[in-house]
Amino acid sequence: MTGLILENVEKHYGSACAVKDVNLHLPEGKLVCFLGPSGCGKTTLLRMIAGLETLTGGEIRLDGEDIGHTPAHQRNFGMVFQSLALFPHMTVGENIAYPLKLRGVSKADQQARVVELLELIQLQEMIDRPVAKLSGGQRQRVAIARAIASHPKILLLDEPLSALDAKLRESMQVEIRQLQQRLNITTIMVTHDQREAMTMADIVVVLGEHRVQQVGTPIEIYRHPANEFVADFIGSGNIFPATALGNGKIGLPGGDALQVPICSSIAVGEKVKMLIRPEDLQLSPPQATAGNRLLGKVTFVRDIGATIETTVECSGVSFTALSTPCQGVGLGIGHPVSVTLPAEACRVLSA
């Protein structure tokens, strides 16, 4: 099987578990994001793929070949560290040429490759500039150019944008994604920023509690989270307790019932957790309850320009709804309101 395959990969530091029982198949040419909170094991997993950490257990295979114990310098992977690790005493061109020099590439070929990469990252005029005199975004591009100089099989990025300001970070997300698509290089990127993962990745691997919680496309992860951990970590979500009533209905703490697409395996009377995203809630002037429409009262309003967040208490649950100014119904704190929860937008979460 082609691509990168991890089977039962584990890493322990003494009695402490950093990564547990990871099984992944990462196809060629895709941008994969390892996403999760700090301390979940995503950087350790990346470093094991790079060969910078030894495996405690399991296998890593690339195109069918076991590379789990191959030294890092023999794997032909490019890596961009969180600190970028550029050489401050070297120029831009010298930094990019350095991995080629280590491989014994001729000076003429080094120069040709440097020129090619500088054109790719649009820094042609900076070949002789010291990296200390570059902006954050320029240093980022140079680090990526150096990582791909020797035509690596896989590009590894360890939170490469974490030191950039918000606006530059967003522009670099677009640049990295476009570069990855142009080169068609398999790329694995570690991030704790869900927006970064959702807007850049072909495949998102959500890690939590040192193990893989879910693997899927960004929209699959967002719309069909595998469990409460994923639902809570990815995006904003209204997660609330409910009780299965049978016939596709659940009961809320305040006594109201909702029609939802509920799993047949859930027994009547079983306690469950439900998810509905804020943008799926519909607010309207108060009307009589009917179907999945509940009566509630506004407890908080936050206008953040492009969107308005409205918190509503109804049937013993606090819901947050997201709307645009043109959808707003002029609500203020204490106002009565109707909240509609479309059945198709409700998700039953496994424990």
Protein backbone atom coordinates (compact mmCIF):
# COMPACT_ATOMS: atom_id res chain seq x y z
CA MET A 1 0.00 0.00 0.00
CA THR A 2 1.41 3.40 -0.99
CA GLY A 3 1.60 6.43 1.27
CA LEU A 4 2.62 6.67 4.90
CA ILE A 5 1.20 4.03 7.24
CA LEU A 6 1.38 4.00 11.03
CA GLU A 7 0.38 0.80 12.82
CA ASN A 8 -0.05 0.60 16.60
CA VAL A 9 2.50 3.38 17.11
CA GLU A 10 3.27 4.20 20.73
CA LYS A 11 5.73 6.36 22.65
CA HIS A 12 6.42 6.14 26.38
CA TYR A 13 8.81 8.14 28.52
CA GLY A 14 9.28 5.81 31.45
CA SER A 15 5.80 5.30 32.90
CA ALA A 16 4.36 8.35 31.10
CA CYS A 17 2.49 7.72 27.85
CA ALA A 18 2.94 10.38 25.14
CA VAL A 19 1.32 8.58 22.19
CA LYS A 20 -0.86 5.47 22.39
CA ASP A 21 -2.05 2.98 19.75
CA VAL A 22 -2.00 5.26 16.68
CA ASN A 23 -3.16 3.70 13.40
CA LEU A 24 -3.16 5.94 10.32
CA HIS A 25 -2.95 5.68 6.55
CA LEU A 26 -1.90 9.02 5.03
CA PRO A 27 -2.17 8.98 1.21
CA GLU A 28 0.30 10.63 -1.15
CA GLY A 29 0.00 14.26 -2.16
CA LYS A 30 -2.34 15.34 0.65
CA LEU A 31 -1.97 17.99 3.34
CA VAL A 32 -2.66 16.34 6.69
CA CYS A 33 -3.08 18.29 9.92
CA PHE A 34 -2.41 16.78 13.33
CA LEU A 35 -4.80 18.85 15.45
CA GLY A 36 -5.22 18.80 19.19
CA PRO A 37 -4.69 20.63 22.48
CA SER A 38 -1.26 21.16 24.03
CA GLY A 39 0.23 17.99 25.45
CA CYS A 40 -1.90 15.57 23.42
CA GLY A 41 1.10 13.99 21.64
CA LYS A 42 0.87 15.54 18.17
CA THR A 43 4.44 16.91 18.05
CA THR A 44 5.82 13.66 19.50
CA LEU A 45 4.01 11.77 16.73
CA LEU A 46 5.46 14.09 14.09
CA ARG A 47 8.96 13.65 15.52
CA MET A 48 8.60 9.86 15.41
CA ILE A 49 7.65 10.12 11.72
CA ALA A 50 10.70 12.35 11.18
CA GLY A 51 12.99 9.90 12.98
CA LEU A 52 13.81 12.36 15.76
CA GLU A 53 12.12 10.18 18.40
CA THR A 54 12.40 6.40 18.69
CA LEU A 55 9.31 4.21 18.69
CA THR A 56 8.32 2.42 21.89
CA GLY A 57 6.08 0.18 19.84
CA GLY A 58 4.45 -0.20 16.43
CA GLU A 59 5.58 0.34 12.85
CA ILE A 60 5.94 3.24 10.41
CA ARG A 61 5.98 2.28 6.71
CA LEU A 62 6.45 4.43 3.62
CA ASP A 63 5.34 2.89 0.33
CA GLY A 64 5.53 -0.54 1.94
CA GLU A 65 9.03 -0.10 3.41
CA ASP A 66 9.48 -0.18 7.19
CA ILE A 67 11.22 3.08 8.17
CA GLY A 68 10.43 3.00 11.88
CA HIS A 69 14.08 2.53 12.82
CA THR A 70 15.71 4.30 9.85
CA PRO A 71 17.90 7.25 10.97
CA ALA A 72 16.36 10.68 10.35
CA HIS A 73 18.98 11.73 7.78
CA GLN A 74 18.21 8.66 5.64
CA ARG A 75 14.45 9.21 5.43
CA ASN A 76 14.64 12.14 2.98
CA PHE A 77 11.96 14.12 4.78
CA GLY A 78 11.96 17.91 4.91
CA MET A 79 11.08 19.56 8.22
CA VAL A 80 10.22 23.08 9.35
CA PHE A 81 10.52 23.49 13.11
CA GLN A 82 8.41 25.83 15.22
CA SER A 83 11.49 28.03 15.76
CA LEU A 84 12.32 27.78 12.00
CA ALA A 85 15.98 27.08 13.00
CA LEU A 86 17.47 29.20 10.21
CA PHE A 87 21.20 29.94 10.43
CA PRO A 88 21.48 33.64 11.38
CA HIS A 89 25.08 33.99 10.13
CA MET A 90 24.10 32.84 6.63
CA THR A 91 22.33 34.59 3.78
CA VAL A 92 18.99 33.49 2.37
CA GLY A 93 20.69 31.65 -0.48
CA GLU A 94 23.19 29.93 1.83
CA ASN A 95 20.41 28.74 4.14
CA ILE A 96 18.47 27.19 1.27
CA ALA A 97 21.61 25.60 -0.22
CA TYR A 98 22.79 24.10 3.07
CA PRO A 99 20.99 20.71 2.85
CA LEU A 100 22.21 20.35 -0.75
CA LYS A 101 25.77 21.07 0.35
CA LEU A 102 25.51 18.31 2.99
CA ARG A 103 24.49 15.87 0.25
CA GLY A 104 27.50 16.74 -1.88
CA VAL A 105 25.54 18.51 -4.63
CA SER A 106 27.79 20.56 -6.92
CA LYS A 107 27.89 24.33 -6.42
CA ALA A 108 26.39 24.92 -9.86
CA ASP A 109 23.43 22.65 -9.08
CA GLN A 110 23.07 24.22 -5.64
CA GLN A 111 22.86 27.68 -7.20
CA ALA A 112 20.33 26.54 -9.81
CA ARG A 113 18.10 24.95 -7.16
CA VAL A 114 18.32 28.04 -4.90
CA VAL A 115 17.29 30.31 -7.79
CA GLU A 116 14.41 27.97 -8.64
CA LEU A 117 13.13 27.93 -5.06
CA LEU A 118 13.50 31.68 -4.55
CA GLU A 119 11.34 32.17 -7.63
CA LEU A 120 8.82 29.72 -6.21
CA ILE A 121 8.58 31.62 -2.91
CA GLN A 122 8.85 35.02 -4.68
CA LEU A 123 12.01 36.21 -2.89
CA GLN A 124 14.33 36.30 -5.91
CA GLU A 125 15.91 39.63 -4.99
CA MET A 126 16.85 38.49 -1.47
CA ILE A 127 19.34 35.73 -2.25
CA ASP A 128 22.24 37.61 -0.61
CA ARG A 129 20.27 39.14 2.28
CA PRO A 130 21.05 37.94 5.84
CA VAL A 131 18.07 36.07 7.28
CA ALA A 132 18.25 38.31 10.37
CA LYS A 133 17.03 41.18 8.17
CA LEU A 134 13.92 39.38 6.92
CA SER A 135 10.35 39.80 8.15
CA GLY A 136 8.56 36.94 9.91
CA GLY A 137 6.71 35.88 6.78
CA GLN A 138 9.87 36.01 4.67
CA ARG A 139 11.77 33.84 7.17
CA GLN A 140 8.89 31.40 7.10
CA ARG A 141 9.11 31.09 3.32
CA VAL A 142 12.89 30.62 3.44
CA ALA A 143 12.50 27.83 6.02
CA ILE A 144 10.02 26.04 3.76
CA ALA A 145 12.29 26.51 0.72
CA ARG A 146 15.21 24.99 2.65
CA ALA A 147 13.03 22.06 3.75
CA ILE A 148 12.04 21.18 0.16
CA ALA A 149 15.43 21.93 -1.43
CA SER A 150 16.47 18.27 -1.63
CA HIS A 151 13.13 17.06 -3.11
CA PRO A 152 11.90 15.32 0.07
CA LYS A 153 9.27 12.59 -0.06
CA ILE A 154 7.32 14.20 2.80
CA LEU A 155 7.27 17.73 4.24
CA LEU A 156 6.80 17.99 8.02
CA LEU A 157 5.70 21.26 9.63
CA ASP A 158 5.69 21.67 13.42
CA GLU A 159 3.39 24.61 14.26
CA PRO A 160 5.26 26.77 11.72
CA LEU A 161 2.92 29.78 11.98
CA SER A 162 2.54 30.08 15.74
CA ALA A 163 4.91 33.07 16.08
CA LEU A 164 3.20 35.19 13.40
CA ASP A 165 0.55 37.85 13.97
CA ALA A 166 -3.03 37.02 13.03
CA LYS A 167 -3.15 38.72 9.61
CA LEU A 168 0.23 37.41 8.46
CA ARG A 169 -0.68 33.97 9.76
CA GLU A 170 -3.78 33.85 7.57
CA SER A 171 -1.89 34.93 4.45
CA MET A 172 0.82 32.33 5.14
CA GLN A 173 -1.85 29.63 5.50
CA VAL A 174 -2.94 30.40 1.94
CA GLU A 175 0.67 30.50 0.68
CA ILE A 176 1.60 27.16 2.24
CA ARG A 177 -1.55 25.51 0.92
CA GLN A 178 -0.99 26.82 -2.61
CA LEU A 179 2.67 25.77 -2.51
CA GLN A 180 1.76 22.28 -1.31
CA GLN A 181 -0.80 21.88 -4.10
CA ARG A 182 1.64 23.18 -6.72
CA LEU A 183 4.35 20.73 -5.64
CA ASN A 184 1.88 17.90 -4.89
CA ILE A 185 4.05 16.96 -1.91
CA THR A 186 2.68 14.94 0.99
CA THR A 187 2.65 17.36 3.92
CA ILE A 188 2.00 16.76 7.61
CA MET A 189 1.41 19.83 9.73
CA VAL A 190 1.03 20.04 13.50
CA THR A 191 -1.25 22.74 14.87
CA HIS A 192 -3.46 23.46 17.88
CA ASP A 193 -5.38 26.07 15.84
CA GLN A 194 -8.64 24.52 14.65
CA ARG A 195 -9.27 27.27 12.09
CA GLU A 196 -5.83 26.67 10.59
CA ALA A 197 -6.50 22.94 10.26
CA MET A 198 -10.02 23.36 8.91
CA THR A 199 -9.01 25.84 6.19
CA MET A 200 -5.76 24.16 5.08
CA ALA A 201 -6.07 20.39 5.37
CA ASP A 202 -7.31 17.65 3.09
CA ILE A 203 -7.33 15.33 6.10
CA VAL A 204 -7.57 16.26 9.78
CA VAL A 205 -6.31 13.90 12.48
CA VAL A 206 -7.77 14.98 15.83
CA LEU A 207 -5.64 13.87 18.77
CA GLY A 208 -6.66 14.01 22.40
CA GLU A 209 -5.55 12.21 25.54
CA HIS A 210 -2.51 10.83 23.64
CA ARG A 211 -4.55 8.94 21.04
CA VAL A 212 -6.36 9.53 17.75
CA GLN A 213 -9.95 10.58 18.37
CA GLN A 214 -11.09 10.96 14.74
CA VAL A 215 -9.72 11.11 11.19
CA GLY A 216 -11.61 12.72 8.32
CA THR A 217 -12.03 15.68 6.02
CA PRO A 218 -12.56 19.05 7.73
CA ILE A 219 -16.28 19.02 6.94
CA GLU A 220 -16.68 15.43 8.21
CA ILE A 221 -14.92 16.31 11.45
CA TYR A 222 -17.05 19.42 11.90
CA ARG A 223 -20.44 18.03 10.91
CA HIS A 224 -20.10 14.46 12.18
CA PRO A 225 -17.80 14.47 15.23
CA ALA A 226 -17.06 10.98 16.55
CA ASN A 227 -17.46 11.89 20.21
CA GLU A 228 -17.92 14.70 22.70
CA PHE A 229 -14.18 15.50 22.79
CA VAL A 230 -14.08 16.20 19.04
CA ALA A 231 -17.36 18.11 19.07
CA ASP A 232 -16.16 20.34 21.90
CA PHE A 233 -12.68 20.93 20.45
CA ILE A 234 -13.69 21.61 16.84
CA GLY A 235 -15.57 24.85 16.33
CA SER A 236 -18.25 26.19 18.63
CA GLY A 237 -20.98 23.82 19.65
CA ASN A 238 -24.00 23.61 21.90
CA ILE A 239 -23.53 20.31 23.75
CA PHE A 240 -26.33 19.49 26.16
CA PRO A 241 -27.66 16.51 28.14
CA ALA A 242 -30.81 14.74 27.08
CA THR A 243 -32.74 11.52 27.63
CA ALA A 244 -33.80 9.10 24.88
CA LEU A 245 -37.60 8.86 24.74
CA GLY A 246 -37.94 6.45 21.82
CA ASN A 247 -39.40 7.03 18.33
CA GLY A 248 -36.56 9.41 17.47
CA LYS A 249 -37.28 11.79 20.31
CA ILE A 250 -35.15 13.08 23.17
CA GLY A 251 -36.22 14.89 26.32
CA LEU A 252 -34.54 18.06 27.57
CA PRO A 253 -33.90 18.81 31.27
CA GLY A 254 -36.81 21.29 31.30
CA GLY A 255 -39.31 18.73 30.02
CA ASP A 256 -39.60 19.65 26.33
CA ALA A 257 -39.06 16.99 23.65
CA LEU A 258 -37.16 17.24 20.35
CA GLN A 259 -37.29 15.11 17.23
CA VAL A 260 -33.74 14.09 16.25
CA PRO A 261 -31.97 11.50 14.06
CA ILE A 262 -31.22 9.18 16.97
CA CYS A 263 -29.39 5.88 16.76
CA SER A 264 -31.56 2.76 17.07
CA SER A 265 -28.95 1.27 19.43
CA ILE A 266 -29.80 3.84 22.11
CA ALA A 267 -32.28 2.44 24.61
CA VAL A 268 -35.31 4.32 25.91
CA GLY A 269 -34.36 6.16 29.10
CA GLU A 270 -30.66 6.26 28.24
CA LYS A 271 -28.80 9.48 29.02
CA VAL A 272 -27.12 11.00 25.94
CA LYS A 273 -25.30 14.15 24.87
CA MET A 274 -26.59 16.16 21.92
CA LEU A 275 -24.77 18.62 19.66
CA ILE A 276 -26.10 21.46 17.54
CA ARG A 277 -23.87 24.13 16.02
CA PRO A 278 -24.66 27.81 16.80
CA GLU A 279 -25.17 28.67 13.11
CA ASP A 280 -27.88 25.98 12.83
CA LEU A 281 -30.09 27.47 15.55
CA GLN A 282 -32.87 29.72 14.27
CA LEU A 283 -34.15 32.63 16.36
CA SER A 284 -37.52 34.30 15.79
CA PRO A 285 -40.06 36.42 17.67
CA PRO A 286 -41.80 34.39 20.39
CA GLN A 287 -44.35 31.89 19.09
CA ALA A 288 -46.17 28.93 20.57
CA THR A 289 -43.97 25.84 20.97
CA ALA A 290 -44.37 23.33 18.17
CA GLY A 291 -42.16 20.56 16.79
CA ASN A 292 -38.56 21.52 17.50
CA ARG A 293 -39.41 25.13 18.39
CA LEU A 294 -38.87 26.15 22.01
CA LEU A 295 -39.63 29.29 23.96
CA GLY A 296 -36.73 30.94 25.76
CA LYS A 297 -35.24 34.15 27.13
CA VAL A 298 -32.14 36.02 25.96
CA THR A 299 -29.41 36.11 28.62
CA PHE A 300 -26.45 37.53 26.66
CA VAL A 301 -25.75 39.23 23.32
CA ARG A 302 -22.33 39.75 21.77
CA ASP A 303 -22.04 41.76 18.55
CA ILE A 304 -18.65 41.04 16.93
CA GLY A 305 -19.26 42.87 13.68
CA ALA A 306 -19.78 40.26 10.99
CA THR A 307 -21.74 38.03 13.35
CA ILE A 308 -23.94 38.29 16.44
CA GLU A 309 -23.82 35.68 19.22
CA THR A 310 -27.02 35.38 21.23
CA THR A 311 -27.29 33.18 24.32
CA VAL A 312 -30.77 31.90 25.12
CA GLU A 313 -32.01 29.91 28.12
CA CYS A 314 -34.80 27.49 27.33
CA SER A 315 -36.01 24.17 28.75
CA GLY A 316 -33.14 23.98 31.21
CA VAL A 317 -30.44 24.40 28.56
CA SER A 318 -28.29 27.40 27.60
CA PHE A 319 -27.97 27.69 23.79
CA THR A 320 -25.75 30.05 21.82
CA ALA A 321 -27.02 31.04 18.37
CA LEU A 322 -24.93 32.66 15.65
CA SER A 323 -26.46 35.04 13.12
CA THR A 324 -25.47 37.88 10.82
CA PRO A 325 -26.63 41.49 11.42
CA CYS A 326 -29.13 41.22 8.54
CA GLN A 327 -30.67 38.14 10.20
CA GLY A 328 -30.90 39.80 13.59
CA VAL A 329 -34.28 40.17 15.22
CA GLY A 330 -33.28 43.08 17.45
CA LEU A 331 -32.98 41.06 20.61
CA GLY A 332 -31.68 42.34 23.92
CA ILE A 333 -31.06 40.76 27.31
CA GLY A 334 -34.29 39.63 28.92
CA HIS A 335 -36.29 39.50 25.67
CA PRO A 336 -38.47 36.43 25.02
CA VAL A 337 -37.57 34.51 21.85
CA SER A 338 -38.37 31.31 19.97
CA VAL A 339 -35.53 28.91 19.20
CA THR A 340 -35.85 26.33 16.44
CA LEU A 341 -33.50 23.33 16.41
CA PRO A 342 -33.72 21.67 12.94
CA ALA A 343 -33.82 17.90 13.47
CA GLU A 344 -31.25 17.26 10.72
CA ALA A 345 -28.73 19.54 12.47
CA CYS A 346 -28.87 17.66 15.80
CA ARG A 347 -26.19 15.03 16.47
CA VAL A 348 -26.12 12.30 19.10
CA LEU A 349 -22.61 12.05 20.57
CA SER A 350 -21.04 8.86 21.82
CA ALA A 351 -19.52 9.00 25.27
